[in-house]
Amino acid sequence: MAETQSPQPGEAPIAPAAEPPVKVFPGAVYECVRCGTRTTQEELSSLPEVKCICGYRVFRKVRPSVVKQIKAV
């Protein structure tokens, strides 16, 4: 058995390691590979599993239709 040690007087208690925050892209739109249903990141994060309404779990991120143009150097 492992004993837990309480902190000594004057010492700060040991905190468990915190998980890194999950990155959420607010405007990201994802599309199901099987049926083509589009959904947002917020809708996917609110569900207990990342799964489409058809039951498939593979999504691809939809790219914006605007093409970014830059000047050549």
C-alpha atoms as a PDB file:
ATOM      1  CA  MET A   1       0.000   0.000   0.000  1.00  0.00           C
ATOM      2  CA  ALA A   2       1.137   3.471  -0.801  1.00  0.00           C
ATOM      3  CA  GLU A   3       0.840   6.030   1.931  1.00  0.00           C
ATOM      4  CA  THR A   4      -0.106   9.576   1.142  1.00  0.00           C
ATOM      5  CA  GLN A   5       2.038  12.152   2.830  1.00  0.00           C
ATOM      6  CA  SER A   6       0.472  15.344   4.080  1.00  0.00           C
ATOM      7  CA  PRO A   7       2.500  18.520   3.599  1.00  0.00           C
ATOM      8  CA  GLN A   8       4.597  19.721   6.476  1.00  0.00           C
ATOM      9  CA  PRO A   9       3.571  22.933   8.235  1.00  0.00           C
ATOM     10  CA  GLY A  10       4.687  25.903   6.131  1.00  0.00           C
ATOM     11  CA  GLU A  11       4.817  23.895   2.885  1.00  0.00           C
ATOM     12  CA  ALA A  12       2.358  24.239   0.021  1.00  0.00           C
ATOM     13  CA  PRO A  13       0.239  21.175  -0.785  1.00  0.00           C
ATOM     14  CA  ILE A  14       1.210  19.241  -3.902  1.00  0.00           C
ATOM     15  CA  ALA A  15      -1.325  19.811  -6.682  1.00  0.00           C
ATOM     16  CA  PRO A  16      -2.034  17.127  -9.306  1.00  0.00           C
ATOM     17  CA  ALA A  17      -0.752  17.804 -12.809  1.00  0.00           C
ATOM     18  CA  ALA A  18      -3.271  19.769 -14.848  1.00  0.00           C
ATOM     19  CA  GLU A  19      -4.208  18.654 -18.364  1.00  0.00           C
ATOM     20  CA  PRO A  20      -3.326  21.065 -21.191  1.00  0.00           C
ATOM     21  CA  PRO A  21      -6.304  23.065 -22.494  1.00  0.00           C
ATOM     22  CA  VAL A  22      -8.024  21.777 -25.615  1.00  0.00           C
ATOM     23  CA  LYS A  23      -7.787  24.076 -28.632  1.00  0.00           C
ATOM     24  CA  VAL A  24     -11.195  25.053 -29.975  1.00  0.00           C
ATOM     25  CA  PHE A  25     -11.494  26.845 -33.285  1.00  0.00           C
ATOM     26  CA  PRO A  26     -14.791  28.753 -33.089  1.00  0.00           C
ATOM     27  CA  GLY A  27     -15.460  29.059 -36.824  1.00  0.00           C
ATOM     28  CA  ALA A  28     -14.232  25.604 -37.862  1.00  0.00           C
ATOM     29  CA  VAL A  29     -16.656  23.552 -39.957  1.00  0.00           C
ATOM     30  CA  TYR A  30     -16.220  19.799 -40.343  1.00  0.00           C
ATOM     31  CA  GLU A  31     -17.771  17.452 -42.903  1.00  0.00           C
ATOM     32  CA  CYS A  32     -18.519  13.748 -42.500  1.00  0.00           C
ATOM     33  CA  VAL A  33     -16.565  11.686 -45.026  1.00  0.00           C
ATOM     34  CA  ARG A  34     -19.378   9.163 -45.482  1.00  0.00           C
ATOM     35  CA  CYS A  35     -22.594  11.225 -45.750  1.00  0.00           C
ATOM     36  CA  GLY A  36     -21.307  14.804 -46.223  1.00  0.00           C
ATOM     37  CA  THR A  37     -23.144  16.306 -43.231  1.00  0.00           C
ATOM     38  CA  ARG A  38     -21.524  19.552 -42.095  1.00  0.00           C
ATOM     39  CA  THR A  39     -21.195  20.428 -38.423  1.00  0.00           C
ATOM     40  CA  THR A  40     -19.303  22.977 -36.339  1.00  0.00           C
ATOM     41  CA  GLN A  41     -16.656  22.442 -33.684  1.00  0.00           C
ATOM     42  CA  GLU A  42     -19.061  23.633 -30.976  1.00  0.00           C
ATOM     43  CA  GLU A  43     -21.644  20.995 -31.916  1.00  0.00           C
ATOM     44  CA  LEU A  44     -19.020  18.231 -31.904  1.00  0.00           C
ATOM     45  CA  SER A  45     -17.587  19.285 -28.537  1.00  0.00           C
ATOM     46  CA  SER A  46     -21.027  19.286 -26.909  1.00  0.00           C
ATOM     47  CA  LEU A  47     -21.552  15.585 -27.742  1.00  0.00           C
ATOM     48  CA  PRO A  48     -20.115  12.786 -25.573  1.00  0.00           C
ATOM     49  CA  GLU A  49     -18.486  11.188 -28.654  1.00  0.00           C
ATOM     50  CA  VAL A  50     -17.174  12.706 -31.859  1.00  0.00           C
ATOM     51  CA  LYS A  51     -19.559  10.931 -34.173  1.00  0.00           C
ATOM     52  CA  CYS A  52     -21.775  11.925 -37.106  1.00  0.00           C
ATOM     53  CA  ILE A  53     -25.536  11.351 -37.160  1.00  0.00           C
ATOM     54  CA  CYS A  54     -24.901   8.470 -39.578  1.00  0.00           C
ATOM     55  CA  GLY A  55     -22.571   6.813 -37.008  1.00  0.00           C
ATOM     56  CA  TYR A  56     -19.307   7.439 -38.849  1.00  0.00           C
ATOM     57  CA  ARG A  57     -16.379   8.915 -36.887  1.00  0.00           C
ATOM     58  CA  VAL A  58     -14.235  10.329 -39.691  1.00  0.00           C
ATOM     59  CA  PHE A  59     -14.491  14.059 -40.379  1.00  0.00           C
ATOM     60  CA  ARG A  60     -12.513  16.406 -42.564  1.00  0.00           C
ATOM     61  CA  LYS A  61     -12.084  20.112 -42.011  1.00  0.00           C
ATOM     62  CA  VAL A  62     -13.829  22.196 -44.679  1.00  0.00           C
ATOM     63  CA  ARG A  63     -11.582  24.824 -46.207  1.00  0.00           C
ATOM     64  CA  PRO A  64     -12.873  28.334 -46.854  1.00  0.00           C
ATOM     65  CA  SER A  65     -13.841  29.123 -50.431  1.00  0.00           C
ATOM     66  CA  VAL A  66     -11.783  32.346 -50.461  1.00  0.00           C
ATOM     67  CA  VAL A  67      -8.307  31.959 -51.925  1.00  0.00           C
ATOM     68  CA  LYS A  68      -5.595  33.862 -50.116  1.00  0.00           C
ATOM     69  CA  GLN A  69      -3.363  35.799 -52.550  1.00  0.00           C
ATOM     70  CA  ILE A  70       0.036  37.164 -51.616  1.00  0.00           C
ATOM     71  CA  LYS A  71       2.606  39.156 -53.594  1.00  0.00           C
ATOM     72  CA  ALA A  72       5.668  37.356 -54.859  1.00  0.00           C
ATOM     73  CA  VAL A  73       8.968  38.674 -53.515  1.00  0.00           C
END
